[in-house]
Every structure is written in C-alpha cells, then in structure tokens.
Amino acid sequence: MKTLDWYVKWVATMFVLISVMFRLAGVDYHFFDMICGLVGTVLWLWVAILWQDRALIILNVIMTILLGTGVIKIIVEAGVIV
C-alpha cells in the first residue's frame, strides 16, 4: 500500500508539469502557470518536510516565496486587491 507522501509527490509533480505547459502556451497563460507552479511547489514542500530533506525544503521554501510573490503581484496589478 502506498503512503500519503507517495500520492502527494505525484500530484505535486503533475501541477509542476502543468505549470510548464502553461508557460509554453504563452504569456496569456502566465497567471495559470504561476498558480499551478505555486500549488505544486507547496505540495512538494509538504513532502520535503515529511521526508526531512533539507535540500528540498530550502528549494521549495524559496520557490514558494517567489511564486507566491509573483501571484500576489499579478492579482494586485489586475486590480483585484487594492
């Protein structure tokens, strides 16, 4: 039987791959790229914490901050949040 982290890592991987597909689709899909990347990164961060893998934790904490900042910037520039 598979453990929870096995399922989470594969869902996270799919989100990251979908993010890259949106990136390749062009600038019209930039927001979706950022959202999918953020979700995938947060899920990978969870797995990294479960595994106690410091390299993955550091990588995914930094990526979560960067992608989260990018998502907030897009939302603010769109006028959704003032």
PDB file of N, CA and C in Angstrom:
ATOM      1  N   MET A   1       0.845  -1.188   0.000  1.00  0.00           N
ATOM      2  CA  MET A   1       0.000   0.000   0.000  1.00  0.00           C
ATOM      3  C   MET A   1       0.886   1.246   0.000  1.00  0.00           C
ATOM      4  N   LYS A   2       0.496   2.204  -0.793  1.00  0.00           N
ATOM      5  CA  LYS A   2       1.245   3.459  -0.909  1.00  0.00           C
ATOM      6  C   LYS A   2       0.914   4.368   0.270  1.00  0.00           C
ATOM      7  N   THR A   3       1.911   5.146   0.686  1.00  0.00           N
ATOM      8  CA  THR A   3       1.699   6.109   1.769  1.00  0.00           C
ATOM      9  C   THR A   3       1.233   7.441   1.180  1.00  0.00           C
ATOM     10  N   LEU A   4       0.748   8.317   2.055  1.00  0.00           N
ATOM     11  CA  LEU A   4       0.219   9.609   1.623  1.00  0.00           C
ATOM     12  C   LEU A   4       1.256  10.417   0.850  1.00  0.00           C
ATOM     13  N   ASP A   5       2.502  10.400   1.316  1.00  0.00           N
ATOM     14  CA  ASP A   5       3.531  11.193   0.640  1.00  0.00           C
ATOM     15  C   ASP A   5       3.741  10.753  -0.804  1.00  0.00           C
ATOM     16  N   TRP A   6       3.524   9.484  -1.100  1.00  0.00           N
ATOM     17  CA  TRP A   6       3.660   8.981  -2.469  1.00  0.00           C
ATOM     18  C   TRP A   6       2.632   9.657  -3.377  1.00  0.00           C
ATOM     19  N   TYR A   7       1.390   9.740  -2.919  1.00  0.00           N
ATOM     20  CA  TYR A   7       0.332  10.371  -3.706  1.00  0.00           C
ATOM     21  C   TYR A   7       0.564  11.876  -3.842  1.00  0.00           C
ATOM     22  N   VAL A   8       0.958  12.519  -2.743  1.00  0.00           N
ATOM     23  CA  VAL A   8       1.170  13.964  -2.767  1.00  0.00           C
ATOM     24  C   VAL A   8       2.295  14.327  -3.725  1.00  0.00           C
ATOM     25  N   LYS A   9       3.387  13.557  -3.720  1.00  0.00           N
ATOM     26  CA  LYS A   9       4.510  13.893  -4.609  1.00  0.00           C
ATOM     27  C   LYS A   9       4.106  13.778  -6.073  1.00  0.00           C
ATOM     28  N   TRP A  10       3.250  12.815  -6.406  1.00  0.00           N
ATOM     29  CA  TRP A  10       2.828  12.683  -7.805  1.00  0.00           C
ATOM     30  C   TRP A  10       1.840  13.768  -8.207  1.00  0.00           C
ATOM     31  N   VAL A  11       0.949  14.147  -7.314  1.00  0.00           N
ATOM     32  CA  VAL A  11       0.039  15.264  -7.596  1.00  0.00           C
ATOM     33  C   VAL A  11       0.854  16.550  -7.750  1.00  0.00           C
ATOM     34  N   ALA A  12       1.836  16.750  -6.864  1.00  0.00           N
ATOM     35  CA  ALA A  12       2.704  17.928  -6.944  1.00  0.00           C
ATOM     36  C   ALA A  12       3.455  17.960  -8.262  1.00  0.00           C
ATOM     37  N   THR A  13       3.970  16.819  -8.664  1.00  0.00           N
ATOM     38  CA  THR A  13       4.704  16.735  -9.931  1.00  0.00           C
ATOM     39  C   THR A  13       3.805  17.081 -11.109  1.00  0.00           C
ATOM     40  N   MET A  14       2.566  16.618 -11.081  1.00  0.00           N
ATOM     41  CA  MET A  14       1.629  16.941 -12.162  1.00  0.00           C
ATOM     42  C   MET A  14       1.365  18.452 -12.216  1.00  0.00           C
ATOM     43  N   PHE A  15       1.206  19.090 -11.064  1.00  0.00           N
ATOM     44  CA  PHE A  15       0.996  20.543 -11.046  1.00  0.00           C
ATOM     45  C   PHE A  15       2.198  21.286 -11.628  1.00  0.00           C
ATOM     46  N   VAL A  16       3.399  20.842 -11.289  1.00  0.00           N
ATOM     47  CA  VAL A  16       4.592  21.498 -11.823  1.00  0.00           C
ATOM     48  C   VAL A  16       4.664  21.312 -13.339  1.00  0.00           C
ATOM     49  N   LEU A  17       4.352  20.122 -13.816  1.00  0.00           N
ATOM     50  CA  LEU A  17       4.372  19.875 -15.266  1.00  0.00           C
ATOM     51  C   LEU A  17       3.294  20.682 -15.986  1.00  0.00           C
ATOM     52  N   ILE A  18       2.119  20.783 -15.400  1.00  0.00           N
ATOM     53  CA  ILE A  18       1.052  21.600 -15.983  1.00  0.00           C
ATOM     54  C   ILE A  18       1.481  23.067 -16.022  1.00  0.00           C
ATOM     55  N   SER A  19       2.170  23.503 -14.975  1.00  0.00           N
ATOM     56  CA  SER A  19       2.694  24.866 -14.938  1.00  0.00           C
ATOM     57  C   SER A  19       3.611  25.132 -16.126  1.00  0.00           C
ATOM     58  N   VAL A  20       4.497  24.198 -16.400  1.00  0.00           N
ATOM     59  CA  VAL A  20       5.424  24.356 -17.528  1.00  0.00           C
ATOM     60  C   VAL A  20       4.656  24.368 -18.850  1.00  0.00           C
ATOM     61  N   MET A  21       3.614  23.560 -18.961  1.00  0.00           N
ATOM     62  CA  MET A  21       2.800  23.564 -20.185  1.00  0.00           C
ATOM     63  C   MET A  21       2.136  24.921 -20.401  1.00  0.00           C
ATOM     64  N   PHE A  22       1.613  25.508 -19.311  1.00  0.00           N
ATOM     65  CA  PHE A  22       1.033  26.852 -19.422  1.00  0.00           C
ATOM     66  C   PHE A  22       2.097  27.861 -19.832  1.00  0.00           C
ATOM     67  N   ARG A  23       3.298  27.718 -19.294  1.00  0.00           N
ATOM     68  CA  ARG A  23       4.393  28.630 -19.639  1.00  0.00           C
ATOM     69  C   ARG A  23       4.688  28.554 -21.132  1.00  0.00           C
ATOM     70  N   LEU A  24       4.687  27.358 -21.670  1.00  0.00           N
ATOM     71  CA  LEU A  24       4.958  27.174 -23.094  1.00  0.00           C
ATOM     72  C   LEU A  24       3.815  27.672 -23.971  1.00  0.00           C
ATOM     73  N   ALA A  25       2.600  27.727 -23.401  1.00  0.00           N
ATOM     74  CA  ALA A  25       1.438  28.165 -24.168  1.00  0.00           C
ATOM     75  C   ALA A  25       1.468  29.665 -24.461  1.00  0.00           C
ATOM     76  N   GLY A  26       2.255  30.414 -23.705  1.00  0.00           N
ATOM     77  CA  GLY A  26       2.387  31.843 -23.984  1.00  0.00           C
ATOM     78  C   GLY A  26       2.003  32.716 -22.810  1.00  0.00           C
ATOM     79  N   VAL A  27       2.212  34.011 -23.014  1.00  0.00           N
ATOM     80  CA  VAL A  27       2.006  34.978 -21.933  1.00  0.00           C
ATOM     81  C   VAL A  27       0.553  35.093 -21.491  1.00  0.00           C
ATOM     82  N   ASP A  28      -0.373  34.707 -22.346  1.00  0.00           N
ATOM     83  CA  ASP A  28      -1.788  34.761 -21.965  1.00  0.00           C
ATOM     84  C   ASP A  28      -2.105  33.813 -20.808  1.00  0.00           C
ATOM     85  N   TYR A  29      -1.256  32.836 -20.582  1.00  0.00           N
ATOM     86  CA  TYR A  29      -1.489  31.822 -19.551  1.00  0.00           C
ATOM     87  C   TYR A  29      -0.537  31.970 -18.367  1.00  0.00           C
ATOM     88  N   HIS A  30       0.106  33.131 -18.257  1.00  0.00           N
ATOM     89  CA  HIS A  30       1.095  33.368 -17.203  1.00  0.00           C
ATOM     90  C   HIS A  30       0.520  33.166 -15.800  1.00  0.00           C
ATOM     91  N   PHE A  31      -0.684  33.658 -15.557  1.00  0.00           N
ATOM     92  CA  PHE A  31      -1.297  33.527 -14.229  1.00  0.00           C
ATOM     93  C   PHE A  31      -1.516  32.055 -13.882  1.00  0.00           C
ATOM     94  N   PHE A  32      -2.010  31.275 -14.844  1.00  0.00           N
ATOM     95  CA  PHE A  32      -2.248  29.852 -14.597  1.00  0.00           C
ATOM     96  C   PHE A  32      -0.933  29.109 -14.356  1.00  0.00           C
ATOM     97  N   ASP A  33       0.101  29.516 -15.069  1.00  0.00           N
ATOM     98  CA  ASP A  33       1.444  28.976 -14.860  1.00  0.00           C
ATOM     99  C   ASP A  33       1.860  29.218 -13.416  1.00  0.00           C
ATOM    100  N   MET A  34       1.709  30.433 -12.948  1.00  0.00           N
ATOM    101  CA  MET A  34       2.135  30.796 -11.593  1.00  0.00           C
ATOM    102  C   MET A  34       1.322  30.050 -10.530  1.00  0.00           C
ATOM    103  N   ILE A  35       0.023  29.954 -10.721  1.00  0.00           N
ATOM    104  CA  ILE A  35      -0.836  29.267  -9.752  1.00  0.00           C
ATOM    105  C   ILE A  35      -0.485  27.784  -9.672  1.00  0.00           C
ATOM    106  N   CYS A  36      -0.395  27.129 -10.821  1.00  0.00           N
ATOM    107  CA  CYS A  36      -0.070  25.695 -10.826  1.00  0.00           C
ATOM    108  C   CYS A  36       1.324  25.451 -10.257  1.00  0.00           C
ATOM    109  N   GLY A  37       2.258  26.327 -10.592  1.00  0.00           N
ATOM    110  CA  GLY A  37       3.598  26.205 -10.036  1.00  0.00           C
ATOM    111  C   GLY A  37       3.602  26.373  -8.525  1.00  0.00           C
ATOM    112  N   LEU A  38       2.828  27.323  -8.036  1.00  0.00           N
ATOM    113  CA  LEU A  38       2.735  27.560  -6.599  1.00  0.00           C
ATOM    114  C   LEU A  38       2.130  26.350  -5.882  1.00  0.00           C
ATOM    115  N   VAL A  39       1.048  25.821  -6.417  1.00  0.00           N
ATOM    116  CA  VAL A  39       0.408  24.656  -5.800  1.00  0.00           C
ATOM    117  C   VAL A  39       1.374  23.468  -5.790  1.00  0.00           C
ATOM    118  N   GLY A  40       2.017  23.213  -6.918  1.00  0.00           N
ATOM    119  CA  GLY A  40       2.968  22.109  -6.992  1.00  0.00           C
ATOM    120  C   GLY A  40       4.124  22.282  -6.030  1.00  0.00           C
ATOM    121  N   THR A  41       4.614  23.490  -5.908  1.00  0.00           N
ATOM    122  CA  THR A  41       5.739  23.769  -5.019  1.00  0.00           C
ATOM    123  C   THR A  41       5.345  23.606  -3.551  1.00  0.00           C
ATOM    124  N   VAL A  42       4.162  24.083  -3.189  1.00  0.00           N
ATOM    125  CA  VAL A  42       3.692  23.933  -1.804  1.00  0.00           C
ATOM    126  C   VAL A  42       3.524  22.449  -1.468  1.00  0.00           C
ATOM    127  N   LEU A  43       2.976  21.690  -2.412  1.00  0.00           N
ATOM    128  CA  LEU A  43       2.819  20.251  -2.174  1.00  0.00           C
ATOM    129  C   LEU A  43       4.175  19.560  -2.049  1.00  0.00           C
ATOM    130  N   TRP A  44       5.126  19.951  -2.893  1.00  0.00           N
ATOM    131  CA  TRP A  44       6.469  19.383  -2.785  1.00  0.00           C
ATOM    132  C   TRP A  44       7.128  19.790  -1.473  1.00  0.00           C
ATOM    133  N   LEU A  45       6.844  20.988  -0.992  1.00  0.00           N
ATOM    134  CA  LEU A  45       7.372  21.425   0.300  1.00  0.00           C
ATOM    135  C   LEU A  45       6.850  20.514   1.412  1.00  0.00           C
ATOM    136  N   TRP A  46       5.586  20.190   1.340  1.00  0.00           N
ATOM    137  CA  TRP A  46       4.982  19.288   2.326  1.00  0.00           C
ATOM    138  C   TRP A  46       5.692  17.937   2.317  1.00  0.00           C
ATOM    139  N   VAL A  47       5.914  17.394   1.136  1.00  0.00           N
ATOM    140  CA  VAL A  47       6.616  16.114   1.006  1.00  0.00           C
ATOM    141  C   VAL A  47       8.037  16.235   1.558  1.00  0.00           C
ATOM    142  N   ALA A  48       8.720  17.318   1.222  1.00  0.00           N
ATOM    143  CA  ALA A  48      10.089  17.526   1.693  1.00  0.00           C
ATOM    144  C   ALA A  48      10.148  17.558   3.225  1.00  0.00           C
ATOM    145  N   ILE A  49       9.150  18.189   3.834  1.00  0.00           N
ATOM    146  CA  ILE A  49       9.094  18.235   5.297  1.00  0.00           C
ATOM    147  C   ILE A  49       8.846  16.837   5.863  1.00  0.00           C
ATOM    148  N   LEU A  50       7.928  16.096   5.243  1.00  0.00           N
ATOM    149  CA  LEU A  50       7.679  14.720   5.688  1.00  0.00           C
ATOM    150  C   LEU A  50       8.934  13.865   5.586  1.00  0.00           C
ATOM    151  N   TRP A  51       9.702  14.070   4.526  1.00  0.00           N
ATOM    152  CA  TRP A  51      10.928  13.302   4.307  1.00  0.00           C
ATOM    153  C   TRP A  51      12.107  13.856   5.094  1.00  0.00           C
ATOM    154  N   GLN A  52      11.953  15.037   5.670  1.00  0.00           N
ATOM    155  CA  GLN A  52      13.028  15.736   6.375  1.00  0.00           C
ATOM    156  C   GLN A  52      14.254  15.920   5.475  1.00  0.00           C
ATOM    157  N   ASP A  53      13.990  16.300   4.222  1.00  0.00           N
ATOM    158  CA  ASP A  53      15.048  16.506   3.228  1.00  0.00           C
ATOM    159  C   ASP A  53      15.338  18.003   3.148  1.00  0.00           C
ATOM    160  N   ARG A  54      16.445  18.415   3.755  1.00  0.00           N
ATOM    161  CA  ARG A  54      16.754  19.850   3.862  1.00  0.00           C
ATOM    162  C   ARG A  54      16.916  20.528   2.516  1.00  0.00           C
ATOM    163  N   ALA A  55      17.550  19.853   1.567  1.00  0.00           N
ATOM    164  CA  ALA A  55      17.750  20.471   0.247  1.00  0.00           C
ATOM    165  C   ALA A  55      16.405  20.753  -0.421  1.00  0.00           C
ATOM    166  N   LEU A  56      15.492  19.794  -0.370  1.00  0.00           N
ATOM    167  CA  LEU A  56      14.162  20.002  -0.959  1.00  0.00           C
ATOM    168  C   LEU A  56      13.366  21.038  -0.181  1.00  0.00           C
ATOM    169  N   ILE A  57      13.545  21.080   1.129  1.00  0.00           N
ATOM    170  CA  ILE A  57      12.841  22.086   1.937  1.00  0.00           C
ATOM    171  C   ILE A  57      13.304  23.483   1.541  1.00  0.00           C
ATOM    172  N   ILE A  58      14.619  23.684   1.475  1.00  0.00           N
ATOM    173  CA  ILE A  58      15.153  25.000   1.117  1.00  0.00           C
ATOM    174  C   ILE A  58      14.691  25.401  -0.281  1.00  0.00           C
ATOM    175  N   LEU A  59      14.823  24.493  -1.240  1.00  0.00           N
ATOM    176  CA  LEU A  59      14.404  24.773  -2.617  1.00  0.00           C
ATOM    177  C   LEU A  59      12.944  25.185  -2.673  1.00  0.00           C
ATOM    178  N   ASN A  60      12.081  24.411  -2.028  1.00  0.00           N
ATOM    179  CA  ASN A  60      10.652  24.662  -2.144  1.00  0.00           C
ATOM    180  C   ASN A  60      10.168  25.824  -1.289  1.00  0.00           C
ATOM    181  N   VAL A  61      10.846  26.131  -0.193  1.00  0.00           N
ATOM    182  CA  VAL A  61      10.510  27.342   0.563  1.00  0.00           C
ATOM    183  C   VAL A  61      10.800  28.575  -0.295  1.00  0.00           C
ATOM    184  N   ILE A  62      11.975  28.596  -0.905  1.00  0.00           N
ATOM    185  CA  ILE A  62      12.344  29.744  -1.748  1.00  0.00           C
ATOM    186  C   ILE A  62      11.411  29.859  -2.940  1.00  0.00           C
ATOM    187  N   MET A  63      11.112  28.740  -3.585  1.00  0.00           N
ATOM    188  CA  MET A  63      10.209  28.775  -4.742  1.00  0.00           C
ATOM    189  C   MET A  63       8.800  29.206  -4.333  1.00  0.00           C
ATOM    190  N   THR A  64       8.337  28.770  -3.160  1.00  0.00           N
ATOM    191  CA  THR A  64       7.014  29.172  -2.681  1.00  0.00           C
ATOM    192  C   THR A  64       6.961  30.679  -2.451  1.00  0.00           C
ATOM    193  N   ILE A  65       8.009  31.228  -1.855  1.00  0.00           N
ATOM    194  CA  ILE A  65       8.062  32.676  -1.626  1.00  0.00           C
ATOM    195  C   ILE A  65       8.059  33.427  -2.957  1.00  0.00           C
ATOM    196  N   LEU A  66       8.904  32.992  -3.888  1.00  0.00           N
ATOM    197  CA  LEU A  66       8.991  33.679  -5.182  1.00  0.00           C
ATOM    198  C   LEU A  66       7.688  33.569  -5.976  1.00  0.00           C
ATOM    199  N   LEU A  67       7.151  32.365  -6.077  1.00  0.00           N
ATOM    200  CA  LEU A  67       5.906  32.194  -6.832  1.00  0.00           C
ATOM    201  C   LEU A  67       4.739  32.873  -6.135  1.00  0.00           C
ATOM    202  N   GLY A  68       4.684  32.804  -4.807  1.00  0.00           N
ATOM    203  CA  GLY A  68       3.629  33.477  -4.060  1.00  0.00           C
ATOM    204  C   GLY A  68       3.671  34.980  -4.260  1.00  0.00           C
ATOM    205  N   THR A  69       4.879  35.543  -4.242  1.00  0.00           N
ATOM    206  CA  THR A  69       5.048  36.972  -4.501  1.00  0.00           C
ATOM    207  C   THR A  69       4.585  37.315  -5.911  1.00  0.00           C
ATOM    208  N   GLY A  70       4.925  36.470  -6.874  1.00  0.00           N
ATOM    209  CA  GLY A  70       4.501  36.700  -8.254  1.00  0.00           C
ATOM    210  C   GLY A  70       2.992  36.657  -8.414  1.00  0.00           C
ATOM    211  N   VAL A  71       2.347  35.710  -7.747  1.00  0.00           N
ATOM    212  CA  VAL A  71       0.880  35.604  -7.821  1.00  0.00           C
ATOM    213  C   VAL A  71       0.241  36.844  -7.202  1.00  0.00           C
ATOM    214  N   ILE A  72       0.736  37.265  -6.046  1.00  0.00           N
ATOM    215  CA  ILE A  72       0.200  38.476  -5.405  1.00  0.00           C
ATOM    216  C   ILE A  72       0.386  39.688  -6.304  1.00  0.00           C
ATOM    217  N   LYS A  73       1.552  39.798  -6.927  1.00  0.00           N
ATOM    218  CA  LYS A  73       1.826  40.926  -7.832  1.00  0.00           C
ATOM    219  C   LYS A  73       0.830  40.943  -8.993  1.00  0.00           C
ATOM    220  N   ILE A  74       0.573  39.798  -9.584  1.00  0.00           N
ATOM    221  CA  ILE A  74      -0.373  39.721 -10.704  1.00  0.00           C
ATOM    222  C   ILE A  74      -1.774  40.127 -10.248  1.00  0.00           C
ATOM    223  N   ILE A  75      -2.175  39.638  -9.076  1.00  0.00           N
ATOM    224  CA  ILE A  75      -3.510  39.951  -8.567  1.00  0.00           C
ATOM    225  C   ILE A  75      -3.636  41.449  -8.274  1.00  0.00           C
ATOM    226  N   VAL A  76      -2.614  42.039  -7.677  1.00  0.00           N
ATOM    227  CA  VAL A  76      -2.639  43.477  -7.357  1.00  0.00           C
ATOM    228  C   VAL A  76      -2.668  44.289  -8.637  1.00  0.00           C
ATOM    229  N   GLU A  77      -1.837  43.924  -9.610  1.00  0.00           N
ATOM    230  CA  GLU A  77      -1.800  44.667 -10.886  1.00  0.00           C
ATOM    231  C   GLU A  77      -3.112  44.557 -11.645  1.00  0.00           C
ATOM    232  N   ALA A  78      -3.827  43.455 -11.442  1.00  0.00           N
ATOM    233  CA  ALA A  78      -5.122  43.280 -12.102  1.00  0.00           C
ATOM    234  C   ALA A  78      -6.214  44.090 -11.413  1.00  0.00           C
ATOM    235  N   GLY A  79      -5.911  44.637 -10.245  1.00  0.00           N
ATOM    236  CA  GLY A  79      -6.883  45.444  -9.531  1.00  0.00           C
ATOM    237  C   GLY A  79      -7.846  44.639  -8.676  1.00  0.00           C
ATOM    238  N   VAL A  80      -7.578  43.353  -8.503  1.00  0.00           N
ATOM    239  CA  VAL A  80      -8.443  42.526  -7.673  1.00  0.00           C
ATOM    240  C   VAL A  80      -8.259  42.878  -6.203  1.00  0.00           C
ATOM    241  N   ILE A  81      -7.013  43.123  -5.817  1.00  0.00           N
ATOM    242  CA  ILE A  81      -6.684  43.545  -4.446  1.00  0.00           C
ATOM    243  C   ILE A  81      -6.049  44.937  -4.543  1.00  0.00           C
ATOM    244  N   VAL A  82      -6.566  45.843  -3.764  1.00  0.00           N
ATOM    245  CA  VAL A  82      -6.043  47.201  -3.791  1.00  0.00           C
ATOM    246  C   VAL A  82      -5.005  47.393  -2.706  1.00  0.00           C
TER     247      VAL A  82
END
